[in-house]
Protein backbone atom coordinates (compact mmCIF):
# COMPACT_ATOMS: atom_id res chain seq x y z
CA LEU A 1 0.64 6.63 5.37
CA ARG A 2 -1.76 9.22 3.95
CA ASP A 3 -3.01 6.69 1.47
CA PHE A 4 -3.46 4.05 4.02
CA LEU A 5 -5.51 6.48 6.11
CA LEU A 6 -7.57 7.44 3.20
CA VAL A 7 -8.39 3.86 2.37
CA TYR A 8 -9.25 3.24 5.97
CA ASN A 9 -11.51 6.18 6.26
CA ARG A 10 -13.26 5.31 3.01
CA MET A 11 -13.79 1.79 4.09
CA THR A 12 -15.19 2.87 7.47
CA GLU A 13 -17.59 5.23 5.85
CA LEU A 14 -18.72 2.75 3.26
CA CYS A 15 -19.36 -0.10 5.81
CA PHE A 16 -20.99 2.13 8.22
CA ARG A 17 -23.51 3.55 5.74
CA HIS A 18 -24.19 0.17 4.36
CA CYS A 19 -24.63 -1.73 7.76
CA VAL A 20 -25.70 0.73 10.38
CA CYS A 21 -29.43 1.62 10.14
CA ASN A 22 -30.44 2.72 13.60
CA LEU A 23 -28.56 5.50 15.54
CA ASN A 24 -30.93 5.32 18.42
CA TYR A 25 -28.87 3.00 20.55
CA ARG A 26 -25.41 3.35 21.79
CA LEU A 27 -24.30 -0.27 21.04
CA LEU A 28 -24.38 -2.07 17.64
CA THR A 29 -27.01 -4.81 17.25
CA GLY A 30 -25.80 -8.31 16.44
CA ARG A 31 -26.81 -7.90 12.81
CA GLU A 32 -24.97 -4.73 12.37
CA GLU A 33 -21.77 -6.00 13.94
CA SER A 34 -21.78 -9.07 11.65
CA CYS A 35 -22.59 -6.82 8.66
CA LEU A 36 -19.63 -4.57 9.52
CA ASP A 37 -17.28 -7.60 10.09
CA SER A 38 -18.19 -9.15 6.66
CA CYS A 39 -18.07 -5.66 4.95
CA ALA A 40 -14.57 -4.76 6.32
CA ALA A 41 -13.31 -8.35 5.46
CA ARG A 42 -14.50 -8.02 2.00
CA LEU A 43 -12.81 -4.69 1.44
CA VAL A 44 -9.55 -5.74 3.18
CA ARG A 45 -9.38 -8.84 0.87
CA ALA A 46 -9.98 -6.68 -2.23
CA ASN A 47 -7.32 -4.22 -1.03
CA HIS A 48 -4.80 -7.20 -0.64
CA ARG A 49 -5.69 -8.42 -4.25
CA LEU A 50 -5.10 -4.94 -5.64
CA MET A 51 -1.67 -4.45 -3.66
CA GLY A 52 -0.55 -7.89 -4.85
CA ALA A 53 -1.31 -7.05 -8.41
CA TYR A 54 0.52 -3.59 -7.91
CA VAL A 55 3.57 -5.24 -6.44
CA GLY A 56 3.68 -7.57 -9.49
CA LEU A 57 3.41 -4.74 -11.92
CA VAL A 58 5.85 -2.22 -10.38
CA PRO A 59 9.15 -3.85 -11.61
CA ALA A 60 7.87 -3.86 -15.22
CA LEU A 61 6.72 -0.22 -15.03
CA LEU A 62 9.96 0.74 -13.74
CA GLN A 63 11.91 -1.00 -16.39
CA ARG A 64 9.80 0.50 -18.97
CA ARG A 65 10.22 4.04 -17.58
CA ALA A 66 13.91 3.58 -17.30
CA ALA A 67 14.15 2.34 -20.96
CA GLU A 68 12.22 5.31 -22.01
CA HIS A 69 14.53 7.75 -20.28
CA GLY A 70 17.62 5.87 -21.45
CA ALA A 71 18.64 5.19 -17.74
CA PRO A 72 19.95 1.69 -16.78
CA ALA A 73 17.18 -0.26 -14.90
CA GLY A 74 18.11 -1.51 -11.51
CA PRO A 75 18.47 -0.18 -7.91
CA SER A 76 19.35 3.39 -7.66
CA GLY A 77 22.26 4.68 -5.66
CA PRO A 78 25.92 5.67 -5.88
CA PRO A 79 27.91 3.85 -8.72
CA ALA A 80 30.30 1.16 -7.32
CA SER A 81 33.86 2.21 -7.78
CA PRO A 82 36.19 -0.50 -9.28
CA GLU A 83 39.10 0.32 -6.97
CA PRO A 84 39.22 0.56 -3.08
CA ALA A 85 39.41 4.14 -1.62
CA PRO A 86 43.16 4.93 -0.52
CA GLU A 87 43.79 4.54 3.15
CA PRO A 88 45.00 7.66 5.01
CA ALA A 89 48.76 8.10 5.54
CA ALA A 90 50.09 7.17 8.95
CA GLY A 91 51.79 9.51 11.03
């Protein structure tokens, strides 16, 4: 969530500085509004491409890190027991 908010705030700042020229009016002009729309759309598309590349690289990075540390690669969690747990004695 923190990273998302940082990206969102940075995107807002970049697009505002690039597109809004006149602070004398309460509302945006048509030109400023279209500039902001296209600026935000470009940054969102770039962010999606980066996230896609990141998601594609993560499994390989995790496998390499596991191999370096000598741990088995795969989902973490408690090891599966080969035999079922005993049932409590009745009565």
